[in-house]
Protein backbone atom coordinates (compact mmCIF):
# COMPACT_ATOMS: atom_id res chain seq x y z
CA MET A 1 105.22 -180.90 29.01
CA THR A 2 101.82 -181.53 27.41
CA THR A 3 99.43 -178.64 26.94
CA GLN A 4 95.62 -178.76 26.72
CA THR A 5 95.91 -178.24 22.94
CA GLU A 6 98.36 -181.11 22.53
CA ASN A 7 96.36 -183.43 24.77
CA SER A 8 92.74 -182.48 24.12
CA ARG A 9 91.28 -185.87 25.01
CA PHE A 10 89.89 -184.68 28.32
CA GLN A 11 88.61 -181.38 29.64
CA LYS A 12 90.54 -180.11 32.66
CA GLY A 13 88.53 -180.67 35.82
CA SER A 14 85.92 -182.91 34.20
CA GLY A 15 84.67 -185.82 36.25
CA ILE A 16 84.28 -189.40 35.17
CA PHE A 17 80.75 -190.70 34.55
CA ASN A 18 78.95 -193.63 32.99
CA CYS A 19 77.33 -193.02 29.61
CA VAL A 20 73.55 -193.01 30.10
CA ASP A 21 73.15 -194.93 26.83
CA CYS A 22 75.83 -197.63 26.74
CA GLY A 23 77.16 -197.52 30.32
CA LYS A 24 80.77 -196.96 29.26
CA LEU A 25 82.92 -195.14 31.82
CA THR A 26 83.95 -191.85 30.19
CA ARG A 27 84.54 -188.15 30.74
CA ASP A 28 84.09 -184.92 28.81
CA THR A 29 86.57 -184.50 25.95
CA GLY A 30 85.19 -181.15 24.85
CA GLU A 31 82.57 -182.68 22.55
CA ASN A 32 79.67 -181.94 24.95
CA GLU A 33 79.72 -185.38 26.59
CA GLY A 34 79.57 -184.01 30.13
CA GLU A 35 76.48 -181.94 29.43
CA THR A 36 74.60 -184.89 27.92
CA LYS A 37 76.24 -187.58 30.11
CA THR A 38 76.96 -189.69 27.02
CA CYS A 39 80.22 -190.99 25.55
CA LYS A 40 81.62 -189.63 22.30
CA VAL A 41 80.51 -192.71 20.33
CA CYS A 42 76.90 -192.42 21.51
CA LEU A 43 76.90 -188.69 20.73
CA GLU A 44 78.02 -189.46 17.18
CA ILE A 45 75.35 -192.14 16.84
CA TYR A 46 72.72 -189.60 17.99
CA SER A 47 73.98 -187.25 15.30
CA TYR A 48 73.56 -189.94 12.65
CA GLU A 49 70.09 -190.76 14.02
CA ASN A 50 69.11 -187.13 13.46
CA MET A 51 70.49 -187.25 9.94
CA LEU A 52 68.49 -190.42 9.28
CA GLU A 53 65.28 -188.85 10.63
CA ASN A 54 65.87 -185.81 8.41
CA ASP A 55 66.37 -188.05 5.35
CA GLU A 56 69.96 -186.84 4.98
CA ILE A 57 71.29 -190.41 4.98
CA THR A 58 69.77 -193.81 4.23
CA GLN A 59 69.18 -196.59 6.74
CA GLU A 60 72.04 -198.49 5.10
CA GLN A 61 74.39 -195.53 5.53
CA PHE A 62 73.29 -195.17 9.15
CA ASN A 63 73.91 -198.86 9.84
CA GLU A 64 77.38 -198.65 8.28
CA LYS A 65 78.33 -195.57 10.35
CA VAL A 66 77.17 -197.26 13.56
CA ARG A 67 79.16 -200.41 12.72
CA GLU A 68 82.28 -198.28 12.13
CA LEU A 69 81.83 -196.41 15.41
CA ARG A 70 81.36 -199.56 17.47
CA LYS A 71 84.53 -201.30 16.20
């Protein structure tokens, strides 16, 4: 038997939706995707965009992170 802790990929009762950014069919995994209607990858990219805007990372670092996420 798998528990929510062991299988935390999806939130119980969460519906499936298309990411408003990339269009990927996804659902909430507990990383706030359902609230923002974005997939986990796009949420991470948004996080790196904020870091770039705040001069916490360089454009090169941002580009590398995005490449890694989109593999």
